[in-house]
């Protein structure tokens, strides 16, 4: 599960942006979904994580492993919860890039855990929370683009060592599928084996939006689950979804994403890539008649032939 839990900070923090009801709704969501591994975005550290783990344990949901990723942002963190311990923890909290003559840190760092099942199946799980669209004098769009490049460099480093590696990249990327940062992560100009593929989870109405911006009354897809070519055959697309949570908006302004993986190596076939169009998962239901079912992700509608 990848889930932006909306400012789940220390309960004594002032000003407090999250109500007790909202905290309880987050806990209820995790209890209901029962993820084996959870990436939580916009978590605090210290008492925030301890309180969440205690509340989950009191409800019979125990996560023996947890890890906090602390980047340059002193408030918002990535947190990894898991029911079994990874064999490798390679978080990157020291990444920087050059922008307008300055050395700028990746604000929330990048989580990287390597999980291995008893049968030897290995998964590289990377998670990020890219720069928001809030104003910044350096340019929030460029900052997000450069952070996406740093994330993509880590993926490339893994695939250089192990071309068939199972890599899953999740998190709140704070931009839409037609944006430069997301295209950077897809890297569609590379050969198919080097790209990342957008699993594009959908809800029971075939809707893929993940975030509601209340002031503008807009719904967008800014949370992602991206898989390497090697991982694609093991992803259960039918169960990779945005789950139905009746009070989702009490918990957060984001909806959680669920990715289900069958942890056994499976060779890719022609049918594997047939489920994707320009690195984006094709919808199972027909698209709007305006596009004739041809448009997925960032591609424009084609003219009739």
Protein backbone atom coordinates (compact mmCIF):
# COMPACT_ATOMS: atom_id res chain seq x y z
CA UNK A 1 0.00 0.00 0.00
CA UNK A 2 1.09 3.53 -0.80
CA UNK A 3 -0.82 6.17 1.14
CA UNK A 4 -0.43 9.89 1.78
CA UNK A 5 -1.92 10.18 5.27
CA UNK A 6 -2.16 14.01 5.28
CA UNK A 7 -0.05 15.59 7.99
CA UNK A 8 -0.03 12.71 10.49
CA UNK A 9 2.31 14.52 12.86
CA UNK A 10 3.03 14.50 16.58
CA UNK A 11 -0.39 15.03 18.25
CA UNK A 12 1.10 17.81 20.40
CA UNK A 13 2.37 19.79 17.43
CA UNK A 14 1.03 23.35 17.14
CA UNK A 15 -0.66 24.25 14.89
CA UNK A 16 -2.27 20.84 14.56
CA UNK A 17 -3.51 20.11 11.04
CA UNK A 18 -5.05 16.70 11.70
CA UNK A 19 -8.07 16.03 13.90
CA UNK A 20 -8.42 13.00 16.18
CA UNK A 21 -11.19 11.78 13.87
CA UNK A 22 -8.85 11.96 10.90
CA UNK A 23 -6.14 10.03 12.74
CA UNK A 24 -8.64 7.34 13.65
CA UNK A 25 -9.80 7.12 10.03
CA UNK A 26 -6.21 6.51 8.89
CA UNK A 27 -5.83 3.74 11.46
CA UNK A 28 -9.15 2.22 10.38
CA UNK A 29 -8.06 2.29 6.74
CA UNK A 30 -4.82 0.42 7.45
CA UNK A 31 -6.69 -2.12 9.59
CA UNK A 32 -9.24 -2.79 6.84
CA UNK A 33 -6.74 -3.02 3.97
CA UNK A 34 -4.21 -5.16 5.90
CA UNK A 35 -1.17 -4.40 3.74
CA UNK A 36 1.90 -6.57 4.22
CA UNK A 37 4.05 -3.57 3.34
CA UNK A 38 2.91 0.04 3.66
CA UNK A 39 4.49 3.26 2.48
CA UNK A 40 3.07 6.19 4.44
CA UNK A 41 3.63 9.70 3.10
CA UNK A 42 3.39 12.93 5.14
CA UNK A 43 4.10 11.19 8.43
CA UNK A 44 5.78 12.82 11.36
CA UNK A 45 8.55 11.02 13.22
CA UNK A 46 9.00 10.00 16.85
CA UNK A 47 5.69 10.09 18.73
CA UNK A 48 3.63 10.18 15.54
CA UNK A 49 4.99 6.82 14.36
CA UNK A 50 5.02 5.31 17.84
CA UNK A 51 1.39 6.29 18.41
CA UNK A 52 0.32 4.86 15.07
CA UNK A 53 2.08 1.55 15.69
CA UNK A 54 0.58 1.27 19.17
CA UNK A 55 -2.91 1.99 17.85
CA UNK A 56 -2.51 -0.64 15.14
CA UNK A 57 -1.17 -3.21 17.61
CA UNK A 58 -4.11 -2.59 19.93
CA UNK A 59 -6.36 -3.58 17.04
CA UNK A 60 -4.40 -6.76 16.33
CA UNK A 61 -2.37 -5.39 13.41
CA UNK A 62 1.36 -5.68 14.12
CA UNK A 63 4.23 -4.38 12.01
CA UNK A 64 7.52 -5.68 13.44
CA UNK A 65 9.52 -3.54 11.02
CA UNK A 66 9.27 0.19 10.56
CA UNK A 67 11.68 2.75 9.19
CA UNK A 68 11.50 6.54 9.00
CA UNK A 69 13.11 8.32 6.06
CA UNK A 70 14.19 11.80 7.13
CA UNK A 71 15.22 14.20 4.38
CA UNK A 72 15.77 17.95 4.46
CA UNK A 73 12.10 18.55 5.32
CA UNK A 74 12.06 18.48 9.15
CA UNK A 75 8.32 17.85 9.36
CA UNK A 76 7.10 15.50 6.61
CA UNK A 77 8.66 12.05 6.33
CA UNK A 78 8.27 8.80 4.46
CA UNK A 79 7.63 5.80 6.69
CA UNK A 80 7.90 2.12 5.74
CA UNK A 81 5.88 -0.46 7.69
CA UNK A 82 6.28 -4.17 7.00
CA UNK A 83 5.22 -7.49 8.48
CA UNK A 84 8.70 -8.90 7.81
CA UNK A 85 12.10 -7.29 7.83
CA UNK A 86 13.79 -6.35 4.54
CA UNK A 87 17.19 -7.83 3.76
CA UNK A 88 18.46 -4.41 2.73
CA UNK A 89 17.72 -0.83 3.78
CA UNK A 90 19.28 1.70 1.44
CA UNK A 91 17.38 4.95 2.04
CA UNK A 92 18.89 8.02 0.40
CA UNK A 93 18.63 11.17 2.47
CA UNK A 94 21.72 12.91 1.12
CA UNK A 95 20.73 13.44 -2.51
CA UNK A 96 21.18 16.91 -4.00
CA UNK A 97 20.95 18.60 -7.39
CA UNK A 98 22.12 21.89 -8.87
CA UNK A 99 19.50 24.53 -9.66
CA UNK A 100 20.14 28.20 -10.40
CA UNK A 101 23.65 27.95 -9.04
CA UNK A 102 22.58 26.35 -5.78
CA UNK A 103 22.95 22.88 -4.31
CA UNK A 104 19.42 21.81 -3.40
CA UNK A 105 18.57 18.71 -1.31
CA UNK A 106 15.82 16.25 -2.24
CA UNK A 107 13.38 17.42 0.39
CA UNK A 108 11.96 14.16 1.73
CA UNK A 109 14.67 11.76 0.65
CA UNK A 110 13.95 8.48 -1.13
CA UNK A 111 13.06 5.25 0.64
CA UNK A 112 14.65 2.05 -0.62
CA UNK A 113 14.03 -1.33 0.98
CA UNK A 114 14.96 -4.71 -0.48
CA UNK A 115 12.52 -7.46 0.48
CA UNK A 116 13.21 -11.16 -0.05
CA UNK A 117 10.68 -13.96 0.31
CA UNK A 118 11.48 -17.49 1.48
CA UNK A 119 11.60 -18.74 -2.12
CA UNK A 120 14.31 -16.20 -2.95
CA UNK A 121 12.07 -13.75 -4.78
CA UNK A 122 13.49 -10.23 -4.35
CA UNK A 123 11.75 -6.88 -4.61
CA UNK A 124 13.31 -3.42 -4.62
CA UNK A 125 10.76 -1.02 -3.16
CA UNK A 126 11.43 2.68 -3.69
CA UNK A 127 9.20 5.48 -2.43
CA UNK A 128 9.23 9.23 -2.85
CA UNK A 129 7.29 12.38 -2.02
CA UNK A 130 8.29 14.92 -4.65
CA UNK A 131 8.17 18.69 -4.22
CA UNK A 132 4.63 20.07 -3.98
CA UNK A 133 3.20 22.72 -6.29
CA UNK A 134 3.43 25.36 -3.59
CA UNK A 135 5.48 28.38 -4.63
CA UNK A 136 9.23 28.30 -4.18
CA UNK A 137 11.68 30.97 -5.37
CA UNK A 138 13.74 28.30 -7.17
CA UNK A 139 10.71 27.19 -9.14
CA UNK A 140 8.56 24.37 -7.80
CA UNK A 141 8.21 22.70 -11.22
CA UNK A 142 11.95 22.53 -11.79
CA UNK A 143 12.50 21.27 -8.25
CA UNK A 144 10.02 18.46 -8.79
CA UNK A 145 11.60 17.60 -12.15
CA UNK A 146 15.09 17.41 -10.65
CA UNK A 147 13.87 15.28 -7.74
CA UNK A 148 12.26 12.93 -10.27
CA UNK A 149 15.61 12.67 -12.04
CA UNK A 150 17.32 11.65 -8.81
CA UNK A 151 14.70 8.95 -8.30
CA UNK A 152 15.12 7.74 -11.87
CA UNK A 153 18.92 7.61 -11.43
CA UNK A 154 18.44 5.21 -8.50
CA UNK A 155 16.19 2.98 -10.62
CA UNK A 156 18.77 3.01 -13.42
CA UNK A 157 21.53 2.06 -10.97
CA UNK A 158 19.53 -0.96 -9.81
CA UNK A 159 18.77 -2.07 -13.36
CA UNK A 160 22.39 -1.60 -14.42
CA UNK A 161 23.48 -4.11 -11.78
CA UNK A 162 20.52 -6.41 -12.37
CA UNK A 163 18.68 -5.83 -15.69
CA UNK A 164 15.77 -8.08 -14.71
CA UNK A 165 15.37 -6.68 -11.19
CA UNK A 166 11.90 -6.41 -9.69
CA UNK A 167 11.56 -2.69 -8.92
CA UNK A 168 8.42 -1.01 -7.61
CA UNK A 169 8.35 2.78 -7.29
CA UNK A 170 5.48 4.30 -5.32
CA UNK A 171 4.53 7.55 -3.67
CA UNK A 172 3.08 11.01 -4.03
CA UNK A 173 4.77 12.56 -7.07
CA UNK A 174 2.68 15.76 -6.89
CA UNK A 175 2.16 15.93 -10.65
CA UNK A 176 -0.07 14.51 -13.38
CA UNK A 177 0.78 11.82 -15.96
CA UNK A 178 1.32 14.38 -18.74
CA UNK A 179 3.97 16.29 -16.77
CA UNK A 180 7.73 16.34 -17.28
CA UNK A 181 8.55 14.77 -13.86
CA UNK A 182 6.35 11.74 -14.55
CA UNK A 183 7.64 11.37 -18.11
CA UNK A 184 11.13 11.41 -16.59
CA UNK A 185 10.20 8.42 -14.45
CA UNK A 186 8.64 6.51 -17.36
CA UNK A 187 11.69 7.20 -19.57
CA UNK A 188 9.84 6.05 -22.68
CA UNK A 189 12.78 6.75 -24.99
CA UNK A 190 14.67 3.81 -23.53
CA UNK A 191 14.22 0.23 -24.65
CA UNK A 192 11.19 -1.52 -23.06
CA UNK A 193 13.36 -3.40 -20.53
CA UNK A 194 14.66 -0.10 -19.10
CA UNK A 195 11.34 1.74 -18.72
CA UNK A 196 9.01 2.05 -15.78
CA UNK A 197 5.39 1.06 -16.31
CA UNK A 198 2.49 2.90 -14.72
CA UNK A 199 0.21 0.35 -13.05
CA UNK A 200 -2.53 3.01 -12.86
CA UNK A 201 -4.76 1.49 -10.15
CA UNK A 202 -8.44 2.32 -10.52
CA UNK A 203 -11.46 2.26 -8.23
CA UNK A 204 -14.66 0.27 -8.71
CA UNK A 205 -15.94 2.96 -11.09
CA UNK A 206 -12.79 2.72 -13.25
CA UNK A 207 -11.63 6.13 -11.97
CA UNK A 208 -7.90 6.64 -11.39
CA UNK A 209 -7.79 9.98 -9.54
CA UNK A 210 -5.98 9.87 -6.22
CA UNK A 211 -6.14 13.40 -4.77
CA UNK A 212 -8.87 15.93 -4.07
CA UNK A 213 -7.87 19.60 -3.88
CA UNK A 214 -10.76 21.02 -1.91
CA UNK A 215 -10.24 24.78 -2.53
CA UNK A 216 -10.34 24.23 -6.29
CA UNK A 217 -12.78 21.29 -6.21
CA UNK A 218 -10.43 19.35 -8.50
CA UNK A 219 -9.58 15.66 -8.61
CA UNK A 220 -6.23 14.58 -10.03
CA UNK A 221 -3.92 11.57 -10.26
CA UNK A 222 -0.68 12.43 -8.50
CA UNK A 223 0.02 9.19 -6.57
CA UNK A 224 1.69 6.38 -8.50
CA UNK A 225 2.79 2.79 -8.58
CA UNK A 226 5.41 2.20 -11.27
CA UNK A 227 6.88 -1.22 -12.04
CA UNK A 228 10.02 -2.30 -13.84
CA UNK A 229 9.77 -4.60 -16.87
CA UNK A 230 11.00 -7.53 -14.78
CA UNK A 231 8.27 -7.02 -12.18
CA UNK A 232 5.34 -6.67 -14.58
CA UNK A 233 4.53 -10.40 -14.99
CA UNK A 234 4.25 -10.80 -11.21
CA UNK A 235 1.82 -7.92 -10.69
CA UNK A 236 -1.80 -8.98 -10.20
CA UNK A 237 -3.40 -6.14 -12.15
CA UNK A 238 -6.94 -7.21 -11.29
CA UNK A 239 -6.19 -6.67 -7.60
CA UNK A 240 -3.99 -3.61 -8.04
CA UNK A 241 -6.62 -1.04 -7.20
CA UNK A 242 -7.78 2.07 -5.41
CA UNK A 243 -9.89 0.42 -2.70
CA UNK A 244 -13.33 1.65 -1.71
CA UNK A 245 -13.12 3.42 1.65
CA UNK A 246 -16.44 5.06 2.64
CA UNK A 247 -14.86 7.80 4.77
CA UNK A 248 -11.64 8.21 2.78
CA UNK A 249 -11.84 12.01 2.92
CA UNK A 250 -12.02 12.01 6.69
CA UNK A 251 -8.64 10.28 6.75
CA UNK A 252 -6.81 12.22 4.04
CA UNK A 253 -7.11 14.25 0.87
CA UNK A 254 -5.47 11.29 -0.92
CA UNK A 255 -6.78 7.80 -1.62
CA UNK A 256 -4.53 4.79 -0.95
CA UNK A 257 -3.14 2.60 -3.72
CA UNK A 258 -2.95 -1.17 -3.39
CA UNK A 259 -0.45 -3.20 -5.43
CA UNK A 260 -0.64 -7.00 -5.28
CA UNK A 261 2.42 -9.02 -6.29
CA UNK A 262 2.75 -12.78 -6.73
CA UNK A 263 6.28 -13.34 -5.37
CA UNK A 264 7.57 -15.88 -7.85
CA UNK A 265 9.62 -15.15 -10.95
CA UNK A 266 7.51 -15.30 -14.10
CA UNK A 267 8.77 -14.71 -17.66
CA UNK A 268 7.31 -11.79 -19.56
CA UNK A 269 5.26 -12.52 -22.68
CA UNK A 270 3.85 -10.42 -25.51
CA UNK A 271 0.61 -10.23 -23.52
CA UNK A 272 2.46 -8.54 -20.66
CA UNK A 273 3.22 -5.36 -22.59
CA UNK A 274 -0.11 -5.54 -24.42
CA UNK A 275 -1.75 -4.35 -21.21
CA UNK A 276 0.19 -1.07 -21.45
CA UNK A 277 0.09 1.83 -23.88
CA UNK A 278 3.13 4.14 -23.84
CA UNK A 279 4.06 2.81 -20.40
CA UNK A 280 0.57 3.36 -18.95
CA UNK A 281 -1.83 0.55 -18.09
CA UNK A 282 -4.74 0.36 -20.49
CA UNK A 283 -8.16 0.74 -18.84
CA UNK A 284 -10.21 -2.43 -18.52
CA UNK A 285 -13.44 -0.56 -19.32
CA UNK A 286 -13.98 1.56 -22.46
CA UNK A 287 -12.78 5.13 -22.37
CA UNK A 288 -14.97 8.12 -23.20
CA UNK A 289 -16.42 8.03 -26.70
CA UNK A 290 -14.70 11.37 -27.33
CA UNK A 291 -11.42 9.49 -27.59
CA UNK A 292 -12.69 6.26 -29.06
CA UNK A 293 -10.89 4.23 -26.42
CA UNK A 294 -7.51 5.21 -27.84
CA UNK A 295 -6.22 7.61 -25.22
CA UNK A 296 -4.32 6.45 -22.17
CA UNK A 297 -2.11 8.66 -20.06
CA UNK A 298 -0.37 11.36 -22.05
CA UNK A 299 -1.18 10.50 -25.66
CA UNK A 300 -3.42 12.67 -27.81
CA UNK A 301 -6.36 11.17 -29.66
CA UNK A 302 -5.49 9.85 -33.09
CA UNK A 303 -7.42 10.72 -36.20
CA UNK A 304 -9.63 8.04 -37.70
CA UNK A 305 -8.05 6.12 -40.52
